[in-house]
Amino acid sequence: MKQKDIALIIVIVFISGVSSYFISNKFISSPKHDLKSAKVEPITSDFSEPSTAYYNDKSINPTQLIKIDDNNNDKPFTEGQ
């Protein structure tokens, strides 16, 4: 290759690189948006008391065992009892 050929290839690569950069920014890149996020309160070690409407000493405890009747039958699925 001659010096002119190498110089021509370098110029063509440079021009195609610059033109592809601007074309891709025009068609492919996303539009600029001014995004804002909500303000987040920092986590602290303070804990406020829960509402007394839901958590009080007279409320029903759903985790208690409910016993309907004494059942002494140790084989409930057998016939003839």
Protein backbone atom coordinates (compact mmCIF):
# COMPACT_ATOMS: atom_id res chain seq x y z
CA MET A 1 0.00 0.00 0.00
CA LYS A 2 1.09 3.49 -0.66
CA GLN A 3 1.08 6.38 1.81
CA LYS A 4 -1.92 7.93 0.05
CA ASP A 5 -3.95 4.73 0.50
CA ILE A 6 -3.23 4.58 4.24
CA ALA A 7 -4.07 8.26 4.71
CA LEU A 8 -7.31 7.82 2.75
CA ILE A 9 -8.33 4.82 4.89
CA ILE A 10 -7.63 6.79 8.11
CA VAL A 11 -9.70 9.76 6.88
CA ILE A 12 -12.59 7.49 5.85
CA VAL A 13 -12.55 5.68 9.23
CA PHE A 14 -12.49 9.01 11.10
CA ILE A 15 -15.36 10.52 9.09
CA SER A 16 -17.50 7.36 9.36
CA GLY A 17 -16.84 7.16 13.14
CA VAL A 18 -17.83 10.78 13.76
CA SER A 19 -20.91 10.56 11.53
CA SER A 20 -22.06 7.29 13.14
CA TYR A 21 -21.66 8.85 16.61
CA PHE A 22 -23.93 11.79 15.77
CA ILE A 23 -26.47 9.66 13.89
CA SER A 24 -26.73 7.17 16.74
CA ASN A 25 -27.21 9.98 19.28
CA LYS A 26 -30.00 11.43 17.18
CA PHE A 27 -31.98 8.22 16.59
CA ILE A 28 -31.01 5.70 19.27
CA SER A 29 -30.36 7.64 22.47
CA SER A 30 -33.19 8.24 24.90
CA PRO A 31 -34.49 11.75 25.53
CA LYS A 32 -33.21 13.63 28.53
CA HIS A 33 -35.67 13.55 31.44
CA ASP A 34 -35.51 15.39 34.70
CA LEU A 35 -36.28 12.50 37.04
CA LYS A 36 -37.11 13.16 40.66
CA SER A 37 -37.61 10.71 43.47
CA ALA A 38 -39.66 10.87 46.61
CA LYS A 39 -37.97 11.97 49.81
CA VAL A 40 -37.19 9.01 52.05
CA GLU A 41 -37.14 9.46 55.80
CA PRO A 42 -34.07 8.06 57.52
CA ILE A 43 -34.40 4.96 59.69
CA THR A 44 -34.18 5.64 63.41
CA SER A 45 -34.14 3.48 66.50
CA ASP A 46 -37.24 5.21 67.88
CA PHE A 47 -40.40 3.09 67.90
CA SER A 48 -43.80 4.61 68.49
CA GLU A 49 -46.53 2.70 70.27
CA PRO A 50 -49.08 0.98 68.00
CA SER A 51 -52.64 2.22 67.79
CA THR A 52 -54.77 1.32 70.80
CA ALA A 53 -57.73 0.75 68.50
CA TYR A 54 -56.13 -2.49 67.31
CA TYR A 55 -53.63 -3.41 70.03
CA ASN A 56 -55.15 -3.37 73.51
CA ASP A 57 -55.55 -5.71 76.44
CA LYS A 58 -59.21 -6.51 75.59
CA SER A 59 -58.67 -7.61 72.01
CA ILE A 60 -59.02 -11.23 70.85
CA ASN A 61 -55.84 -13.22 70.48
CA PRO A 62 -56.19 -15.17 67.19
CA THR A 63 -53.22 -17.42 68.03
CA GLN A 64 -54.90 -19.10 71.02
CA LEU A 65 -55.90 -22.72 70.74
CA ILE A 66 -59.65 -23.11 70.32
CA LYS A 67 -61.01 -26.13 72.18
CA ILE A 68 -64.62 -27.00 71.32
CA ASP A 69 -65.16 -30.22 73.30
CA ASP A 70 -63.19 -32.90 75.10
CA ASN A 71 -62.28 -35.51 72.55
CA ASN A 72 -60.93 -38.73 73.99
CA ASN A 73 -61.17 -40.63 70.70
CA ASP A 74 -57.62 -41.42 69.61
CA LYS A 75 -58.83 -43.06 66.33
CA PRO A 76 -61.38 -40.66 64.82
CA PHE A 77 -61.58 -42.28 61.39
CA THR A 78 -62.51 -45.82 62.40
CA GLU A 79 -66.02 -47.24 62.13
CA GLY A 80 -68.23 -48.52 64.91
CA GLN A 81 -67.61 -46.19 67.73
